């Protein structure tokens, strides 16, 4: 079983920045893709950004140019630097880690990001 733990959420004013962190642990198998998803009240969970172990990234159109995903493979840790935050970025942000050996996805418990003045 893979444990996924997020940190770094909080309240920020519009135009501000936050950095989310997520660590995956508890497996001897490699983690292939890691990523961030978010879910706002009344909405479905949506992709924010993903990154492969090789560093290939993918972003939702709504965050491209404002958010940056990065990764430390040695620590199985992924980061999401969020700049120029907007009220519509308000959501619970979930970290995802994919175990390479069987492509099983594991999820964190989520961290709240609130953008409000």
PDB file of N, CA and C in Angstrom:
ATOM      1  N   UNK A   1       0.843  -1.189   0.000  1.00  0.00           N
ATOM      2  CA  UNK A   1       0.000   0.000   0.000  1.00  0.00           C
ATOM      3  C   UNK A   1       0.879   1.240   0.000  1.00  0.00           C
ATOM      4  N   UNK A   2       0.465   2.230  -0.755  1.00  0.00           N
ATOM      5  CA  UNK A   2       1.202   3.486  -0.848  1.00  0.00           C
ATOM      6  C   UNK A   2       0.468   4.557  -0.053  1.00  0.00           C
ATOM      7  N   UNK A   3       1.191   5.238   0.811  1.00  0.00           N
ATOM      8  CA  UNK A   3       0.612   6.347   1.553  1.00  0.00           C
ATOM      9  C   UNK A   3       0.961   7.652   0.830  1.00  0.00           C
ATOM     10  N   UNK A   4      -0.053   8.497   0.679  1.00  0.00           N
ATOM     11  CA  UNK A   4       0.116   9.779  -0.001  1.00  0.00           C
ATOM     12  C   UNK A   4      -0.337  10.885   0.937  1.00  0.00           C
ATOM     13  N   UNK A   5       0.548  11.814   1.229  1.00  0.00           N
ATOM     14  CA  UNK A   5       0.244  12.871   2.208  1.00  0.00           C
ATOM     15  C   UNK A   5       0.552  14.232   1.603  1.00  0.00           C
ATOM     16  N   UNK A   6      -0.485  15.086   1.583  1.00  0.00           N
ATOM     17  CA  UNK A   6      -0.329  16.447   1.064  1.00  0.00           C
ATOM     18  C   UNK A   6      -0.124  17.436   2.207  1.00  0.00           C
ATOM     19  N   UNK A   7       0.441  18.573   1.875  1.00  0.00           N
ATOM     20  CA  UNK A   7       0.555  19.682   2.815  1.00  0.00           C
ATOM     21  C   UNK A   7       0.676  20.987   2.032  1.00  0.00           C
ATOM     22  N   UNK A   8       0.419  22.102   2.726  1.00  0.00           N
ATOM     23  CA  UNK A   8       0.667  23.405   2.129  1.00  0.00           C
ATOM     24  C   UNK A   8      -0.556  24.206   1.739  1.00  0.00           C
ATOM     25  N   UNK A   9      -1.748  23.691   1.954  1.00  0.00           N
ATOM     26  CA  UNK A   9      -2.930  24.464   1.616  1.00  0.00           C
ATOM     27  C   UNK A   9      -3.151  25.605   2.589  1.00  0.00           C
ATOM     28  N   UNK A  10      -4.161  26.412   2.300  1.00  0.00           N
ATOM     29  CA  UNK A  10      -4.476  27.520   3.190  1.00  0.00           C
ATOM     30  C   UNK A  10      -5.302  28.582   2.509  1.00  0.00           C
ATOM     31  N   UNK A  11      -5.369  29.735   3.175  1.00  0.00           N
ATOM     32  CA  UNK A  11      -6.129  30.888   2.679  1.00  0.00           C
ATOM     33  C   UNK A  11      -5.155  31.907   2.110  1.00  0.00           C
ATOM     34  N   UNK A  12      -5.450  32.388   0.920  1.00  0.00           N
ATOM     35  CA  UNK A  12      -4.588  33.378   0.274  1.00  0.00           C
ATOM     36  C   UNK A  12      -5.462  34.374  -0.474  1.00  0.00           C
ATOM     37  N   UNK A  13      -4.974  35.587  -0.586  1.00  0.00           N
ATOM     38  CA  UNK A  13      -5.718  36.614  -1.320  1.00  0.00           C
ATOM     39  C   UNK A  13      -5.555  36.430  -2.823  1.00  0.00           C
ATOM     40  N   UNK A  14      -6.508  36.906  -3.599  1.00  0.00           N
ATOM     41  CA  UNK A  14      -6.351  36.860  -5.057  1.00  0.00           C
ATOM     42  C   UNK A  14      -5.042  37.512  -5.491  1.00  0.00           C
ATOM     43  N   UNK A  15      -4.376  36.849  -6.426  1.00  0.00           N
ATOM     44  CA  UNK A  15      -3.079  37.324  -6.884  1.00  0.00           C
ATOM     45  C   UNK A  15      -1.913  36.770  -6.101  1.00  0.00           C
ATOM     46  N   UNK A  16      -2.200  36.103  -5.004  1.00  0.00           N
ATOM     47  CA  UNK A  16      -1.154  35.553  -4.157  1.00  0.00           C
ATOM     48  C   UNK A  16      -0.641  34.211  -4.650  1.00  0.00           C
ATOM     49  N   UNK A  17       0.242  33.617  -3.844  1.00  0.00           N
ATOM     50  CA  UNK A  17       0.885  32.356  -4.190  1.00  0.00           C
ATOM     51  C   UNK A  17       0.802  31.364  -3.041  1.00  0.00           C
ATOM     52  N   UNK A  18       0.803  30.101  -3.402  1.00  0.00           N
ATOM     53  CA  UNK A  18       0.889  28.998  -2.446  1.00  0.00           C
ATOM     54  C   UNK A  18       1.711  27.889  -3.080  1.00  0.00           C
ATOM     55  N   UNK A  19       2.344  27.092  -2.223  1.00  0.00           N
ATOM     56  CA  UNK A  19       3.077  25.926  -2.692  1.00  0.00           C
ATOM     57  C   UNK A  19       2.573  24.693  -1.961  1.00  0.00           C
ATOM     58  N   UNK A  20       2.101  23.731  -2.741  1.00  0.00           N
ATOM     59  CA  UNK A  20       1.649  22.463  -2.189  1.00  0.00           C
ATOM     60  C   UNK A  20       2.764  21.423  -2.320  1.00  0.00           C
ATOM     61  N   UNK A  21       2.819  20.534  -1.340  1.00  0.00           N
ATOM     62  CA  UNK A  21       3.767  19.435  -1.370  1.00  0.00           C
ATOM     63  C   UNK A  21       3.027  18.124  -1.157  1.00  0.00           C
ATOM     64  N   UNK A  22       3.592  17.055  -1.704  1.00  0.00           N
ATOM     65  CA  UNK A  22       2.978  15.738  -1.544  1.00  0.00           C
ATOM     66  C   UNK A  22       4.067  14.688  -1.569  1.00  0.00           C
ATOM     67  N   UNK A  23       4.027  13.801  -0.582  1.00  0.00           N
ATOM     68  CA  UNK A  23       5.008  12.725  -0.503  1.00  0.00           C
ATOM     69  C   UNK A  23       4.313  11.374  -0.552  1.00  0.00           C
ATOM     70  N   UNK A  24       4.832  10.482  -1.371  1.00  0.00           N
ATOM     71  CA  UNK A  24       4.340   9.105  -1.462  1.00  0.00           C
ATOM     72  C   UNK A  24       5.350   8.186  -0.797  1.00  0.00           C
ATOM     73  N   UNK A  25       4.851   7.260   0.034  1.00  0.00           N
ATOM     74  CA  UNK A  25       5.750   6.367   0.756  1.00  0.00           C
ATOM     75  C   UNK A  25       5.104   5.011   0.941  1.00  0.00           C
ATOM     76  N   UNK A  26       5.901   4.050   1.421  1.00  0.00           N
ATOM     77  CA  UNK A  26       5.352   2.749   1.772  1.00  0.00           C
ATOM     78  C   UNK A  26       5.425   1.708   0.685  1.00  0.00           C
ATOM     79  N   UNK A  27       6.217   1.965  -0.345  1.00  0.00           N
ATOM     80  CA  UNK A  27       6.350   0.986  -1.411  1.00  0.00           C
ATOM     81  C   UNK A  27       7.803   0.885  -1.858  1.00  0.00           C
ATOM     82  N   UNK A  28       8.189  -0.326  -2.228  1.00  0.00           N
ATOM     83  CA  UNK A  28       9.522  -0.512  -2.782  1.00  0.00           C
ATOM     84  C   UNK A  28       9.503  -0.400  -4.300  1.00  0.00           C
ATOM     85  N   UNK A  29       8.301  -0.330  -4.858  1.00  0.00           N
ATOM     86  CA  UNK A  29       8.164  -0.188  -6.298  1.00  0.00           C
ATOM     87  C   UNK A  29       8.259   1.285  -6.677  1.00  0.00           C
ATOM     88  N   UNK A  30       8.635   1.546  -7.883  1.00  0.00           N
ATOM     89  CA  UNK A  30       8.768   2.928  -8.314  1.00  0.00           C
ATOM     90  C   UNK A  30       7.393   3.551  -8.558  1.00  0.00           C
ATOM     91  N   UNK A  31       7.366   4.854  -8.414  1.00  0.00           N
ATOM     92  CA  UNK A  31       6.176   5.639  -8.696  1.00  0.00           C
ATOM     93  C   UNK A  31       6.359   6.262 -10.072  1.00  0.00           C
ATOM     94  N   UNK A  32       5.443   6.015 -10.967  1.00  0.00           N
ATOM     95  CA  UNK A  32       5.580   6.555 -12.322  1.00  0.00           C
ATOM     96  C   UNK A  32       5.055   7.992 -12.357  1.00  0.00           C
ATOM     97  N   UNK A  33       3.781   8.145 -12.569  1.00  0.00           N
ATOM     98  CA  UNK A  33       3.221   9.483 -12.683  1.00  0.00           C
ATOM     99  C   UNK A  33       2.720   9.979 -11.328  1.00  0.00           C
ATOM    100  N   UNK A  34       2.930  11.240 -11.044  1.00  0.00           N
ATOM    101  CA  UNK A  34       2.349  11.912  -9.886  1.00  0.00           C
ATOM    102  C   UNK A  34       1.627  13.159 -10.383  1.00  0.00           C
ATOM    103  N   UNK A  35       0.644  13.571  -9.615  1.00  0.00           N
ATOM    104  CA  UNK A  35      -0.090  14.732 -10.085  1.00  0.00           C
ATOM    105  C   UNK A  35      -1.002  15.332  -9.041  1.00  0.00           C
ATOM    106  N   UNK A  36      -1.623  16.422  -9.448  1.00  0.00           N
ATOM    107  CA  UNK A  36      -2.563  17.143  -8.607  1.00  0.00           C
ATOM    108  C   UNK A  36      -3.911  17.252  -9.318  1.00  0.00           C
ATOM    109  N   UNK A  37      -4.947  17.026  -8.547  1.00  0.00           N
ATOM    110  CA  UNK A  37      -6.313  17.194  -9.002  1.00  0.00           C
ATOM    111  C   UNK A  37      -7.016  18.087  -7.990  1.00  0.00           C
ATOM    112  N   UNK A  38      -8.148  18.649  -8.378  1.00  0.00           N
ATOM    113  CA  UNK A  38      -8.897  19.478  -7.438  1.00  0.00           C
ATOM    114  C   UNK A  38     -10.390  19.286  -7.616  1.00  0.00           C
ATOM    115  N   UNK A  39     -11.100  19.563  -6.524  1.00  0.00           N
ATOM    116  CA  UNK A  39     -12.555  19.433  -6.558  1.00  0.00           C
ATOM    117  C   UNK A  39     -13.160  20.575  -5.768  1.00  0.00           C
ATOM    118  N   UNK A  40     -13.943  21.391  -6.460  1.00  0.00           N
ATOM    119  CA  UNK A  40     -14.673  22.478  -5.826  1.00  0.00           C
ATOM    120  C   UNK A  40     -16.072  21.984  -5.471  1.00  0.00           C
ATOM    121  N   UNK A  41     -16.730  22.621  -4.503  1.00  0.00           N
ATOM    122  CA  UNK A  41     -18.072  22.188  -4.104  1.00  0.00           C
ATOM    123  C   UNK A  41     -19.020  22.148  -5.299  1.00  0.00           C
ATOM    124  N   UNK A  42     -19.718  21.029  -5.449  1.00  0.00           N
ATOM    125  CA  UNK A  42     -20.676  20.888  -6.531  1.00  0.00           C
ATOM    126  C   UNK A  42     -20.081  20.497  -7.863  1.00  0.00           C
ATOM    127  N   UNK A  43     -18.756  20.388  -7.915  1.00  0.00           N
ATOM    128  CA  UNK A  43     -18.084  20.048  -9.170  1.00  0.00           C
ATOM    129  C   UNK A  43     -17.426  18.674  -9.084  1.00  0.00           C
ATOM    130  N   UNK A  44     -17.117  18.111 -10.236  1.00  0.00           N
ATOM    131  CA  UNK A  44     -16.366  16.871 -10.282  1.00  0.00           C
ATOM    132  C   UNK A  44     -14.887  17.160 -10.068  1.00  0.00           C
ATOM    133  N   UNK A  45     -14.178  16.135  -9.654  1.00  0.00           N
ATOM    134  CA  UNK A  45     -12.731  16.264  -9.513  1.00  0.00           C
ATOM    135  C   UNK A  45     -12.119  16.454 -10.894  1.00  0.00           C
ATOM    136  N   UNK A  46     -11.185  17.399 -11.000  1.00  0.00           N
ATOM    137  CA  UNK A  46     -10.576  17.688 -12.291  1.00  0.00           C
ATOM    138  C   UNK A  46      -9.063  17.699 -12.193  1.00  0.00           C
ATOM    139  N   UNK A  47      -8.426  17.403 -13.309  1.00  0.00           N
ATOM    140  CA  UNK A  47      -6.978  17.419 -13.365  1.00  0.00           C
ATOM    141  C   UNK A  47      -6.459  18.844 -13.273  1.00  0.00           C
ATOM    142  N   UNK A  48      -5.387  19.015 -12.501  1.00  0.00           N
ATOM    143  CA  UNK A  48      -4.691  20.295 -12.445  1.00  0.00           C
ATOM    144  C   UNK A  48      -3.374  20.176 -13.208  1.00  0.00           C
ATOM    145  N   UNK A  49      -2.547  19.213 -12.804  1.00  0.00           N
ATOM    146  CA  UNK A  49      -1.251  19.019 -13.457  1.00  0.00           C
ATOM    147  C   UNK A  49      -0.706  17.646 -13.094  1.00  0.00           C
ATOM    148  N   UNK A  50       0.035  17.057 -14.018  1.00  0.00           N
ATOM    149  CA  UNK A  50       0.708  15.791 -13.755  1.00  0.00           C
ATOM    150  C   UNK A  50       2.152  15.877 -14.233  1.00  0.00           C
ATOM    151  N   UNK A  51       2.978  14.978 -13.681  1.00  0.00           N
ATOM    152  CA  UNK A  51       4.380  14.915 -14.081  1.00  0.00           C
ATOM    153  C   UNK A  51       4.830  13.466 -14.025  1.00  0.00           C
ATOM    154  N   UNK A  52       5.527  13.010 -15.052  1.00  0.00           N
ATOM    155  CA  UNK A  52       6.042  11.654 -15.083  1.00  0.00           C
ATOM    156  C   UNK A  52       7.401  11.594 -14.377  1.00  0.00           C
ATOM    157  N   UNK A  53       7.884  10.383 -14.170  1.00  0.00           N
ATOM    158  CA  UNK A  53       9.199  10.227 -13.548  1.00  0.00           C
ATOM    159  C   UNK A  53      10.306  10.791 -14.442  1.00  0.00           C
ATOM    160  N   UNK A  54      10.020  10.891 -15.721  1.00  0.00           N
ATOM    161  CA  UNK A  54      10.975  11.477 -16.654  1.00  0.00           C
ATOM    162  C   UNK A  54      10.880  12.987 -16.768  1.00  0.00           C
ATOM    163  N   UNK A  55       9.897  13.576 -16.080  1.00  0.00           N
ATOM    164  CA  UNK A  55       9.776  15.027 -16.056  1.00  0.00           C
ATOM    165  C   UNK A  55       8.799  15.609 -17.061  1.00  0.00           C
ATOM    166  N   UNK A  56       8.088  14.775 -17.769  1.00  0.00           N
ATOM    167  CA  UNK A  56       7.101  15.284 -18.721  1.00  0.00           C
ATOM    168  C   UNK A  56       5.886  15.789 -17.949  1.00  0.00           C
ATOM    169  N   UNK A  57       5.448  16.998 -18.272  1.00  0.00           N
ATOM    170  CA  UNK A  57       4.359  17.628 -17.543  1.00  0.00           C
ATOM    171  C   UNK A  57       3.130  17.813 -18.419  1.00  0.00           C
ATOM    172  N   UNK A  58       1.996  17.924 -17.753  1.00  0.00           N
ATOM    173  CA  UNK A  58       0.726  18.186 -18.411  1.00  0.00           C
ATOM    174  C   UNK A  58      -0.082  19.092 -17.493  1.00  0.00           C
ATOM    175  N   UNK A  59      -0.675  20.136 -18.062  1.00  0.00           N
ATOM    176  CA  UNK A  59      -1.424  21.102 -17.265  1.00  0.00           C
ATOM    177  C   UNK A  59      -2.835  21.283 -17.821  1.00  0.00           C
ATOM    178  N   UNK A  60      -3.767  21.558 -16.924  1.00  0.00           N
ATOM    179  CA  UNK A  60      -5.080  22.016 -17.351  1.00  0.00           C
ATOM    180  C   UNK A  60      -4.936  23.402 -17.966  1.00  0.00           C
ATOM    181  N   UNK A  61      -5.750  23.693 -18.962  1.00  0.00           N
ATOM    182  CA  UNK A  61      -5.668  25.000 -19.607  1.00  0.00           C
ATOM    183  C   UNK A  61      -5.885  26.139 -18.610  1.00  0.00           C
ATOM    184  N   UNK A  62      -6.713  25.902 -17.627  1.00  0.00           N
ATOM    185  CA  UNK A  62      -7.070  26.957 -16.682  1.00  0.00           C
ATOM    186  C   UNK A  62      -5.916  27.372 -15.772  1.00  0.00           C
ATOM    187  N   UNK A  63      -4.876  26.541 -15.661  1.00  0.00           N
ATOM    188  CA  UNK A  63      -3.767  26.861 -14.759  1.00  0.00           C
ATOM    189  C   UNK A  63      -2.439  27.037 -15.491  1.00  0.00           C
ATOM    190  N   UNK A  64      -2.414  26.709 -16.772  1.00  0.00           N
ATOM    191  CA  UNK A  64      -1.155  26.786 -17.523  1.00  0.00           C
ATOM    192  C   UNK A  64      -0.632  28.214 -17.504  1.00  0.00           C
ATOM    193  N   UNK A  65       0.641  28.364 -17.188  1.00  0.00           N
ATOM    194  CA  UNK A  65       1.258  29.677 -17.108  1.00  0.00           C
ATOM    195  C   UNK A  65       1.215  30.287 -15.709  1.00  0.00           C
ATOM    196  N   UNK A  66       0.386  29.733 -14.844  1.00  0.00           N
ATOM    197  CA  UNK A  66       0.296  30.234 -13.467  1.00  0.00           C
ATOM    198  C   UNK A  66       0.809  29.214 -12.459  1.00  0.00           C
ATOM    199  N   UNK A  67       0.597  27.931 -12.741  1.00  0.00           N
ATOM    200  CA  UNK A  67       1.009  26.859 -11.830  1.00  0.00           C
ATOM    201  C   UNK A  67       2.205  26.122 -12.442  1.00  0.00           C
ATOM    202  N   UNK A  68       3.076  25.643 -11.564  1.00  0.00           N
ATOM    203  CA  UNK A  68       4.216  24.847 -12.001  1.00  0.00           C
ATOM    204  C   UNK A  68       4.323  23.600 -11.144  1.00  0.00           C
ATOM    205  N   UNK A  69       4.355  22.438 -11.797  1.00  0.00           N
ATOM    206  CA  UNK A  69       4.527  21.179 -11.082  1.00  0.00           C
ATOM    207  C   UNK A  69       5.977  20.744 -11.214  1.00  0.00           C
ATOM    208  N   UNK A  70       6.512  20.209 -10.119  1.00  0.00           N
ATOM    209  CA  UNK A  70       7.880  19.702 -10.137  1.00  0.00           C
ATOM    210  C   UNK A  70       7.958  18.470  -9.245  1.00  0.00           C
ATOM    211  N   UNK A  71       9.078  17.789  -9.308  1.00  0.00           N
ATOM    212  CA  UNK A  71       9.140  16.499  -8.637  1.00  0.00           C
ATOM    213  C   UNK A  71      10.568  16.184  -8.214  1.00  0.00           C
ATOM    214  N   UNK A  72      10.674  15.516  -7.063  1.00  0.00           N
ATOM    215  CA  UNK A  72      11.945  14.968  -6.576  1.00  0.00           C
ATOM    216  C   UNK A  72      11.781  13.459  -6.576  1.00  0.00           C
ATOM    217  N   UNK A  73      12.312  12.788  -7.590  1.00  0.00           N
ATOM    218  CA  UNK A  73      12.124  11.348  -7.730  1.00  0.00           C
ATOM    219  C   UNK A  73      12.737  10.575  -6.566  1.00  0.00           C
ATOM    220  N   UNK A  74      13.859  11.038  -6.063  1.00  0.00           N
ATOM    221  CA  UNK A  74      14.531  10.331  -4.972  1.00  0.00           C
ATOM    222  C   UNK A  74      13.673  10.283  -3.713  1.00  0.00           C
ATOM    223  N   UNK A  75      12.828  11.299  -3.550  1.00  0.00           N
ATOM    224  CA  UNK A  75      11.974  11.395  -2.361  1.00  0.00           C
ATOM    225  C   UNK A  75      10.523  11.045  -2.658  1.00  0.00           C
ATOM    226  N   UNK A  76      10.225  10.679  -3.913  1.00  0.00           N
ATOM    227  CA  UNK A  76       8.824  10.441  -4.318  1.00  0.00           C
ATOM    228  C   UNK A  76       7.931  11.594  -3.851  1.00  0.00           C
ATOM    229  N   UNK A  77       8.387  12.778  -4.103  1.00  0.00           N
ATOM    230  CA  UNK A  77       7.691  13.982  -3.676  1.00  0.00           C
ATOM    231  C   UNK A  77       7.384  14.857  -4.885  1.00  0.00           C
ATOM    232  N   UNK A  78       6.186  15.419  -4.895  1.00  0.00           N
ATOM    233  CA  UNK A  78       5.771  16.303  -5.972  1.00  0.00           C
ATOM    234  C   UNK A  78       5.321  17.633  -5.361  1.00  0.00           C
ATOM    235  N   UNK A  79       5.567  18.688  -6.086  1.00  0.00           N
ATOM    236  CA  UNK A  79       5.237  20.031  -5.631  1.00  0.00           C
ATOM    237  C   UNK A  79       4.347  20.722  -6.655  1.00  0.00           C
ATOM    238  N   UNK A  80       3.534  21.643  -6.164  1.00  0.00           N
ATOM    239  CA  UNK A  80       2.732  22.475  -7.064  1.00  0.00           C
ATOM    240  C   UNK A  80       2.883  23.918  -6.605  1.00  0.00           C
ATOM    241  N   UNK A  81       3.605  24.700  -7.395  1.00  0.00           N
ATOM    242  CA  UNK A  81       3.748  26.122  -7.125  1.00  0.00           C
ATOM    243  C   UNK A  81       2.610  26.847  -7.826  1.00  0.00           C
ATOM    244  N   UNK A  82       1.790  27.519  -7.046  1.00  0.00           N
ATOM    245  CA  UNK A  82       0.609  28.191  -7.582  1.00  0.00           C
ATOM    246  C   UNK A  82       0.785  29.699  -7.438  1.00  0.00           C
ATOM    247  N   UNK A  83       0.840  30.396  -8.550  1.00  0.00           N
ATOM    248  CA  UNK A  83       0.987  31.847  -8.567  1.00  0.00           C
ATOM    249  C   UNK A  83      -0.251  32.487  -9.192  1.00  0.00           C
ATOM    250  N   UNK A  84      -0.389  33.777  -8.968  1.00  0.00           N
ATOM    251  CA  UNK A  84      -1.511  34.533  -9.546  1.00  0.00           C
ATOM    252  C   UNK A  84      -2.839  33.835  -9.279  1.00  0.00           C
ATOM    253  N   UNK A  85      -3.037  33.440  -8.055  1.00  0.00           N
ATOM    254  CA  UNK A  85      -4.225  32.668  -7.704  1.00  0.00           C
ATOM    255  C   UNK A  85      -5.491  33.490  -7.871  1.00  0.00           C
ATOM    256  N   UNK A  86      -6.550  32.792  -8.283  1.00  0.00           N
ATOM    257  CA  UNK A  86      -7.851  33.401  -8.524  1.00  0.00           C
ATOM    258  C   UNK A  86      -8.892  32.747  -7.612  1.00  0.00           C
ATOM    259  N   UNK A  87      -9.981  33.440  -7.347  1.00  0.00           N
ATOM    260  CA  UNK A  87     -11.034  32.825  -6.517  1.00  0.00           C
ATOM    261  C   UNK A  87     -11.514  31.487  -7.081  1.00  0.00           C
ATOM    262  N   UNK A  88     -11.510  31.353  -8.391  1.00  0.00           N
ATOM    263  CA  UNK A  88     -11.970  30.097  -8.993  1.00  0.00           C
ATOM    264  C   UNK A  88     -10.987  28.955  -8.813  1.00  0.00           C
ATOM    265  N   UNK A  89      -9.823  29.218  -8.245  1.00  0.00           N
ATOM    266  CA  UNK A  89      -8.888  28.152  -7.894  1.00  0.00           C
ATOM    267  C   UNK A  89      -9.236  27.523  -6.547  1.00  0.00           C
ATOM    268  N   UNK A  90     -10.200  28.094  -5.861  1.00  0.00           N
ATOM    269  CA  UNK A  90     -10.620  27.560  -4.574  1.00  0.00           C
ATOM    270  C   UNK A  90     -11.171  26.150  -4.733  1.00  0.00           C
ATOM    271  N   UNK A  91     -10.608  25.215  -3.974  1.00  0.00           N
ATOM    272  CA  UNK A  91     -11.003  23.809  -4.073  1.00  0.00           C
ATOM    273  C   UNK A  91     -10.207  22.998  -3.059  1.00  0.00           C
ATOM    274  N   UNK A  92     -10.586  21.744  -2.920  1.00  0.00           N
ATOM    275  CA  UNK A  92      -9.738  20.785  -2.232  1.00  0.00           C
ATOM    276  C   UNK A  92      -8.802  20.188  -3.269  1.00  0.00           C
ATOM    277  N   UNK A  93      -7.525  20.241  -2.990  1.00  0.00           N
ATOM    278  CA  UNK A  93      -6.516  19.736  -3.913  1.00  0.00           C
ATOM    279  C   UNK A  93      -6.048  18.352  -3.445  1.00  0.00           C
ATOM    280  N   UNK A  94      -6.085  17.402  -4.366  1.00  0.00           N
ATOM    281  CA  UNK A  94      -5.714  16.022  -4.066  1.00  0.00           C
ATOM    282  C   UNK A  94      -4.454  15.641  -4.839  1.00  0.00           C
ATOM    283  N   UNK A  95      -3.585  14.945  -4.147  1.00  0.00           N
ATOM    284  CA  UNK A  95      -2.383  14.413  -4.785  1.00  0.00           C
ATOM    285  C   UNK A  95      -2.628  12.979  -5.226  1.00  0.00           C
ATOM    286  N   UNK A  96      -2.086  12.643  -6.369  1.00  0.00           N
ATOM    287  CA  UNK A  96      -2.215  11.303  -6.920  1.00  0.00           C
ATOM    288  C   UNK A  96      -0.827  10.739  -7.203  1.00  0.00           C
ATOM    289  N   UNK A  97      -0.648   9.469  -6.857  1.00  0.00           N
ATOM    290  CA  UNK A  97       0.607   8.772  -7.163  1.00  0.00           C
ATOM    291  C   UNK A  97       0.275   7.443  -7.821  1.00  0.00           C
ATOM    292  N   UNK A  98       0.925   7.153  -8.921  1.00  0.00           N
ATOM    293  CA  UNK A  98       0.662   5.921  -9.673  1.00  0.00           C
ATOM    294  C   UNK A  98       1.839   4.969  -9.499  1.00  0.00           C
ATOM    295  N   UNK A  99       1.533   3.782  -8.976  1.00  0.00           N
ATOM    296  CA  UNK A  99       2.561   2.763  -8.796  1.00  0.00           C
ATOM    297  C   UNK A  99       2.868   2.129 -10.141  1.00  0.00           C
ATOM    298  N   UNK A 100       4.127   2.124 -10.513  1.00  0.00           N
ATOM    299  CA  UNK A 100       4.511   1.724 -11.856  1.00  0.00           C
ATOM    300  C   UNK A 100       4.252   0.251 -12.148  1.00  0.00           C
ATOM    301  N   UNK A 101       4.449  -0.625 -11.164  1.00  0.00           N
ATOM    302  CA  UNK A 101       4.410  -2.062 -11.426  1.00  0.00           C
ATOM    303  C   UNK A 101       3.040  -2.537 -11.884  1.00  0.00           C
ATOM    304  N   UNK A 102       1.970  -1.885 -11.400  1.00  0.00           N
ATOM    305  CA  UNK A 102       0.629  -2.331 -11.773  1.00  0.00           C
ATOM    306  C   UNK A 102      -0.295  -1.179 -12.142  1.00  0.00           C
ATOM    307  N   UNK A 103       0.250   0.041 -12.210  1.00  0.00           N
ATOM    308  CA  UNK A 103      -0.522   1.212 -12.625  1.00  0.00           C
ATOM    309  C   UNK A 103      -1.675   1.533 -11.668  1.00  0.00           C
ATOM    310  N   UNK A 104      -1.545   1.125 -10.421  1.00  0.00           N
ATOM    311  CA  UNK A 104      -2.566   1.447  -9.427  1.00  0.00           C
ATOM    312  C   UNK A 104      -2.394   2.883  -8.963  1.00  0.00           C
ATOM    313  N   UNK A 105      -3.502   3.607  -8.864  1.00  0.00           N
ATOM    314  CA  UNK A 105      -3.490   4.991  -8.395  1.00  0.00           C
ATOM    315  C   UNK A 105      -3.779   5.054  -6.902  1.00  0.00           C
ATOM    316  N   UNK A 106      -3.040   5.903  -6.211  1.00  0.00           N
ATOM    317  CA  UNK A 106      -3.252   6.155  -4.787  1.00  0.00           C
ATOM    318  C   UNK A 106      -3.480   7.645  -4.594  1.00  0.00           C
ATOM    319  N   UNK A 107      -4.348   7.954  -3.614  1.00  0.00           N
ATOM    320  CA  UNK A 107      -4.753   9.341  -3.415  1.00  0.00           C
ATOM    321  C   UNK A 107      -4.474   9.795  -1.996  1.00  0.00           C
ATOM    322  N   UNK A 108      -4.172  11.074  -1.863  1.00  0.00           N
ATOM    323  CA  UNK A 108      -4.071  11.671  -0.549  1.00  0.00           C
ATOM    324  C   UNK A 108      -5.437  12.073  -0.026  1.00  0.00           C
ATOM    325  N   UNK A 109      -5.447  12.610   1.169  1.00  0.00           N
ATOM    326  CA  UNK A 109      -6.708  12.966   1.822  1.00  0.00           C
ATOM    327  C   UNK A 109      -7.209  14.342   1.382  1.00  0.00           C
ATOM    328  N   UNK A 110      -6.374  15.099   0.703  1.00  0.00           N
ATOM    329  CA  UNK A 110      -6.773  16.411   0.201  1.00  0.00           C
ATOM    330  C   UNK A 110      -6.353  17.535   1.120  1.00  0.00           C
ATOM    331  N   UNK A 111      -6.089  18.685   0.517  1.00  0.00           N
ATOM    332  CA  UNK A 111      -5.759  19.893   1.275  1.00  0.00           C
ATOM    333  C   UNK A 111      -6.548  21.067   0.695  1.00  0.00           C
ATOM    334  N   UNK A 112      -7.128  21.856   1.581  1.00  0.00           N
ATOM    335  CA  UNK A 112      -8.009  22.948   1.148  1.00  0.00           C
ATOM    336  C   UNK A 112      -7.190  24.153   0.725  1.00  0.00           C
ATOM    337  N   UNK A 113      -7.523  24.690  -0.438  1.00  0.00           N
ATOM    338  CA  UNK A 113      -6.971  25.956  -0.912  1.00  0.00           C
ATOM    339  C   UNK A 113      -8.137  26.913  -1.093  1.00  0.00           C
ATOM    340  N   UNK A 114      -8.081  28.045  -0.413  1.00  0.00           N
ATOM    341  CA  UNK A 114      -9.131  29.052  -0.500  1.00  0.00           C
ATOM    342  C   UNK A 114      -8.514  30.368  -0.941  1.00  0.00           C
ATOM    343  N   UNK A 115      -9.036  30.913  -2.036  1.00  0.00           N
ATOM    344  CA  UNK A 115      -8.551  32.191  -2.561  1.00  0.00           C
ATOM    345  C   UNK A 115      -9.666  33.208  -2.375  1.00  0.00           C
ATOM    346  N   UNK A 116      -9.441  34.125  -1.456  1.00  0.00           N
ATOM    347  CA  UNK A 116     -10.495  35.074  -1.115  1.00  0.00           C
ATOM    348  C   UNK A 116      -9.878  36.304  -0.476  1.00  0.00           C
ATOM    349  N   UNK A 117     -10.531  37.447  -0.707  1.00  0.00           N
ATOM    350  CA  UNK A 117     -10.087  38.681  -0.062  1.00  0.00           C
ATOM    351  C   UNK A 117     -10.852  38.905   1.230  1.00  0.00           C
TER     352      UNK A 117
END
